[in-house]
Amino acid sequence: MRADGQVEELMMSDRLATMLLYGRYASPYVRRVAVTLQLYGLAYEHAPLMPFGEDKVALAEVNPIARVPALRLADGDVLIDSAVILDYLDELVGPHRALTPPAGPERRRVLTLLAVALGANEKLIAGLYERHFRPREAWHRPWLETCNKQVRDGFVWLDSAFVGPWFCGANMTQADVTVAIFWLFGCGKRPTFFAGLGCRRLEALASCLRDTPAFGATAPESEILSNRLA
């Protein structure tokens, strides 16, 4: 992580020798981009900004809706949304190294796994936001229960779809990277809930990847969403 002055200097620079990734690793969407960059051996700078408070103004200069991740390329172009960024990185390294297969049944399987993982994680975050940004008496319980069910159903389905040693057999794909990151994020935010899901295959996958260099280099920072949410 860079100091605030260094982040500002990076953002003001017109000529980056490498790519610049905006967003904290505490965001699972930022982290899945960062881990992929690490796995591909692509150099990048990091501007650990949050889409809240003063950082939101700075992010709006890069992304009009002030969300992360965003990736500024060496030529100055900016990509937004983790799926768009990952698609670009896959193209950059070529089909033989890309973590998402370029075509065929394997690609469709990976994209299906990612769609379920993204949907479940979005509902996890929706529930976190409801609890964090609204007073307890204003929580909409039916909405929270709906989110809980979609989170539960999504991760349980992913657990049942895991064939080993990776989601698609012998080769690690973006499905493994993203699901492991989302699982670790969920366990950190709602440990009791995730422990009760009984997803032992996903736990084993996350444990396998957690101590790898790419995951270690992108350890989440502390951030404002409490780890002790009801």
Protein backbone atom coordinates (compact mmCIF):
# COMPACT_ATOMS: atom_id res chain seq x y z
CA MET A 1 0.00 0.00 0.00
CA ARG A 2 1.22 3.48 -0.81
CA ALA A 3 1.04 6.56 1.37
CA ASP A 4 -1.66 9.12 0.54
CA GLY A 5 0.86 11.49 -1.05
CA GLN A 6 2.14 8.74 -3.30
CA VAL A 7 -1.40 7.82 -4.34
CA GLU A 8 -2.10 11.45 -5.27
CA GLU A 9 1.13 11.62 -7.24
CA LEU A 10 0.18 8.46 -9.14
CA MET A 11 -3.29 9.79 -9.95
CA MET A 12 -1.87 13.06 -11.28
CA SER A 13 0.73 11.35 -13.44
CA ASP A 14 0.07 11.45 -17.19
CA ARG A 15 2.66 8.84 -17.99
CA LEU A 16 2.57 5.58 -16.08
CA ALA A 17 5.16 2.95 -16.89
CA THR A 18 2.72 0.30 -15.60
CA MET A 19 -0.97 -0.11 -15.00
CA LEU A 20 -2.63 1.54 -12.00
CA LEU A 21 -5.26 -0.38 -10.04
CA TYR A 22 -7.75 1.69 -8.04
CA GLY A 23 -9.43 0.24 -4.97
CA ARG A 24 -8.57 -1.49 -1.74
CA TYR A 25 -7.85 -5.20 -1.61
CA ALA A 26 -10.53 -5.33 1.08
CA SER A 27 -12.97 -5.24 -1.85
CA PRO A 28 -13.24 -8.81 -3.20
CA TYR A 29 -13.78 -7.38 -6.68
CA VAL A 30 -10.55 -5.41 -6.51
CA ARG A 31 -8.75 -8.36 -5.01
CA ARG A 32 -9.75 -10.77 -7.78
CA VAL A 33 -8.26 -8.35 -10.29
CA ALA A 34 -5.11 -7.92 -8.19
CA VAL A 35 -4.62 -11.66 -7.69
CA THR A 36 -5.02 -12.19 -11.43
CA LEU A 37 -2.44 -9.49 -12.16
CA GLN A 38 -0.09 -11.24 -9.73
CA LEU A 39 -0.69 -14.66 -11.26
CA TYR A 40 -0.06 -13.29 -14.74
CA GLY A 41 3.13 -11.56 -13.60
CA LEU A 42 1.87 -8.17 -14.81
CA ALA A 43 3.38 -5.11 -13.14
CA TYR A 44 0.97 -2.55 -11.68
CA GLU A 45 0.80 0.31 -9.22
CA HIS A 46 -1.87 0.40 -6.54
CA ALA A 47 -4.08 3.32 -5.45
CA PRO A 48 -5.95 1.91 -2.40
CA LEU A 49 -8.99 4.18 -2.51
CA MET A 50 -12.43 3.45 -1.06
CA PRO A 51 -15.74 4.38 -2.74
CA PHE A 52 -16.71 6.35 0.36
CA GLY A 53 -15.88 9.72 1.91
CA GLU A 54 -13.16 11.86 0.39
CA ASP A 55 -11.89 8.99 -1.77
CA LYS A 56 -15.19 8.96 -3.66
CA VAL A 57 -14.45 12.38 -5.17
CA ALA A 58 -11.08 11.17 -6.43
CA LEU A 59 -12.58 7.98 -7.82
CA ALA A 60 -15.25 9.90 -9.70
CA GLU A 61 -12.47 11.46 -11.76
CA VAL A 62 -11.59 7.97 -12.97
CA ASN A 63 -14.98 6.24 -12.93
CA PRO A 64 -18.13 8.40 -13.25
CA ILE A 65 -20.01 6.22 -10.75
CA ALA A 66 -17.06 6.21 -8.30
CA ARG A 67 -16.87 2.45 -7.92
CA VAL A 68 -13.93 0.07 -7.70
CA PRO A 69 -12.07 -1.58 -9.24
CA ALA A 70 -10.83 0.61 -12.04
CA LEU A 71 -7.67 -0.05 -13.99
CA ARG A 72 -5.75 2.73 -15.70
CA LEU A 73 -3.68 1.35 -18.54
CA ALA A 74 -0.21 2.56 -19.47
CA ASP A 75 -1.66 4.49 -22.42
CA GLY A 76 -4.09 6.35 -20.14
CA ASP A 77 -7.26 4.42 -20.99
CA VAL A 78 -9.33 3.37 -17.97
CA LEU A 79 -11.25 0.12 -17.61
CA ILE A 80 -14.02 -0.23 -15.03
CA ASP A 81 -15.76 -3.29 -13.54
CA SER A 82 -13.80 -6.37 -12.54
CA ALA A 83 -15.29 -8.56 -15.30
CA VAL A 84 -14.24 -6.08 -17.99
CA ILE A 85 -10.77 -5.77 -16.50
CA LEU A 86 -10.29 -9.53 -16.28
CA ASP A 87 -11.40 -9.92 -19.88
CA TYR A 88 -8.73 -7.41 -20.92
CA LEU A 89 -6.05 -9.16 -18.85
CA ASP A 90 -6.95 -12.51 -20.40
CA GLU A 91 -6.59 -10.98 -23.85
CA LEU A 92 -3.28 -9.43 -22.82
CA VAL A 93 -1.67 -12.71 -21.75
CA GLY A 94 -3.24 -14.78 -24.53
CA PRO A 95 -5.51 -17.85 -24.61
CA HIS A 96 -2.85 -20.29 -23.44
CA ARG A 97 -2.33 -18.43 -20.15
CA ALA A 98 -5.78 -16.95 -19.63
CA LEU A 99 -7.59 -18.21 -16.54
CA THR A 100 -10.91 -18.06 -18.40
CA PRO A 101 -10.95 -20.50 -21.34
CA PRO A 102 -11.40 -18.74 -24.69
CA ALA A 103 -14.22 -20.89 -26.06
CA GLY A 104 -16.23 -24.08 -25.80
CA PRO A 105 -17.79 -26.02 -22.90
CA GLU A 106 -14.98 -25.13 -20.49
CA ARG A 107 -15.56 -21.42 -21.04
CA ARG A 108 -19.30 -21.83 -20.54
CA ARG A 109 -18.73 -23.76 -17.32
CA VAL A 110 -16.32 -21.15 -15.93
CA LEU A 111 -18.67 -18.30 -16.84
CA THR A 112 -21.60 -20.11 -15.19
CA LEU A 113 -19.60 -20.67 -12.01
CA LEU A 114 -18.57 -17.02 -12.01
CA ALA A 115 -22.17 -15.87 -12.54
CA VAL A 116 -23.34 -17.80 -9.48
CA ALA A 117 -20.38 -16.63 -7.39
CA LEU A 118 -20.90 -12.99 -8.38
CA GLY A 119 -24.62 -13.20 -7.65
CA ALA A 120 -24.10 -14.74 -4.22
CA ASN A 121 -21.41 -12.22 -3.33
CA GLU A 122 -23.56 -9.30 -4.44
CA LYS A 123 -26.29 -10.44 -2.05
CA LEU A 124 -23.73 -10.85 0.73
CA ILE A 125 -22.61 -7.25 0.24
CA ALA A 126 -26.21 -6.02 -0.02
CA GLY A 127 -26.86 -7.51 3.40
CA LEU A 128 -23.69 -6.01 4.82
CA TYR A 129 -24.66 -2.57 3.54
CA GLU A 130 -28.16 -2.88 4.99
CA ARG A 131 -26.75 -3.67 8.41
CA HIS A 132 -23.94 -1.13 8.28
CA PHE A 133 -25.58 1.95 6.80
CA ARG A 134 -29.07 1.69 8.30
CA PRO A 135 -29.94 1.73 12.00
CA ARG A 136 -30.96 -1.66 13.37
CA GLU A 137 -34.59 -0.62 13.84
CA ALA A 138 -34.78 0.26 10.14
CA TRP A 139 -33.42 -3.06 8.86
CA HIS A 140 -35.82 -4.72 6.43
CA ARG A 141 -35.84 -8.27 7.76
CA PRO A 142 -37.55 -9.95 4.77
CA TRP A 143 -34.93 -8.41 2.48
CA LEU A 144 -32.10 -9.62 4.71
CA GLU A 145 -33.56 -13.13 4.80
CA THR A 146 -33.87 -13.13 1.02
CA CYS A 147 -30.23 -12.09 0.72
CA ASN A 148 -29.19 -14.76 3.22
CA LYS A 149 -30.99 -17.44 1.22
CA GLN A 150 -29.36 -16.40 -2.05
CA VAL A 151 -25.93 -16.32 -0.42
CA ARG A 152 -26.52 -19.74 1.12
CA ASP A 153 -27.94 -21.29 -2.03
CA GLY A 154 -25.18 -19.86 -4.21
CA PHE A 155 -22.23 -21.04 -2.15
CA VAL A 156 -23.79 -24.44 -1.41
CA TRP A 157 -24.35 -24.94 -5.15
CA LEU A 158 -20.73 -23.95 -5.86
CA ASP A 159 -19.56 -26.41 -3.22
CA SER A 160 -21.53 -29.20 -4.89
CA ALA A 161 -20.13 -28.21 -8.31
CA PHE A 162 -16.51 -28.51 -7.19
CA VAL A 163 -14.94 -31.58 -8.80
CA GLY A 164 -11.32 -31.27 -7.60
CA PRO A 165 -8.52 -30.57 -7.62
CA TRP A 166 -10.02 -27.45 -9.26
CA PHE A 167 -13.50 -26.52 -10.42
CA CYS A 168 -12.73 -27.69 -13.95
CA GLY A 169 -10.54 -30.64 -13.04
CA ALA A 170 -6.81 -30.49 -13.60
CA ASN A 171 -6.38 -26.77 -14.33
CA MET A 172 -6.98 -23.75 -12.12
CA THR A 173 -9.33 -21.19 -13.68
CA GLN A 174 -10.77 -17.81 -12.81
CA ALA A 175 -13.62 -19.67 -11.12
CA ASP A 176 -11.20 -21.00 -8.51
CA VAL A 177 -9.59 -17.60 -7.93
CA THR A 178 -12.83 -15.67 -7.66
CA VAL A 179 -14.75 -18.21 -5.55
CA ALA A 180 -11.83 -18.53 -3.11
CA ILE A 181 -11.65 -14.74 -2.74
CA PHE A 182 -15.40 -14.40 -2.25
CA TRP A 183 -15.39 -17.27 0.27
CA LEU A 184 -12.58 -15.70 2.29
CA PHE A 185 -14.37 -12.35 2.18
CA GLY A 186 -17.58 -13.91 3.45
CA CYS A 187 -15.81 -15.82 6.21
CA GLY A 188 -14.18 -12.58 7.35
CA LYS A 189 -17.42 -10.59 7.34
CA ARG A 190 -19.85 -13.23 8.63
CA PRO A 191 -17.81 -16.08 10.16
CA THR A 192 -20.68 -17.77 11.99
CA PHE A 193 -22.98 -17.72 8.97
CA PHE A 194 -20.32 -19.11 6.63
CA ALA A 195 -19.19 -21.76 9.11
CA GLY A 196 -22.78 -23.00 9.15
CA LEU A 197 -22.93 -23.49 5.38
CA GLY A 198 -20.92 -26.70 5.55
CA CYS A 199 -19.05 -25.95 2.32
CA ARG A 200 -16.00 -28.08 3.01
CA ARG A 201 -14.81 -28.17 -0.58
CA LEU A 202 -14.83 -24.38 -0.80
CA GLU A 203 -13.04 -24.13 2.53
CA ALA A 204 -10.35 -26.50 1.24
CA LEU A 205 -10.02 -24.51 -1.99
CA ALA A 206 -9.65 -21.24 -0.10
CA SER A 207 -7.12 -22.79 2.29
CA CYS A 208 -5.11 -24.05 -0.70
CA LEU A 209 -4.91 -20.59 -2.26
CA ARG A 210 -4.80 -18.40 0.85
CA ASP A 211 -1.06 -18.80 1.46
CA THR A 212 0.08 -18.57 -2.16
CA PRO A 213 2.24 -15.57 -3.13
CA ALA A 214 -0.53 -13.96 -5.22
CA PHE A 215 -3.00 -14.09 -2.34
CA GLY A 216 -0.39 -13.08 0.21
CA ALA A 217 0.59 -10.01 -1.81
CA THR A 218 -3.05 -8.84 -1.87
CA ALA A 219 -4.02 -9.30 1.77
CA PRO A 220 -7.14 -7.20 2.55
CA GLU A 221 -6.70 -3.95 4.44
CA SER A 222 -8.92 -3.09 7.39
CA GLU A 223 -12.02 -1.24 6.16
CA ILE A 224 -15.23 0.29 7.34
CA LEU A 225 -17.63 -2.64 7.01
CA SER A 226 -17.65 -4.20 10.45
CA ASN A 227 -16.54 -7.78 10.95
CA ARG A 228 -19.09 -8.11 13.75
CA LEU A 229 -22.42 -7.77 11.99
CA ALA A 230 -25.48 -9.44 13.44
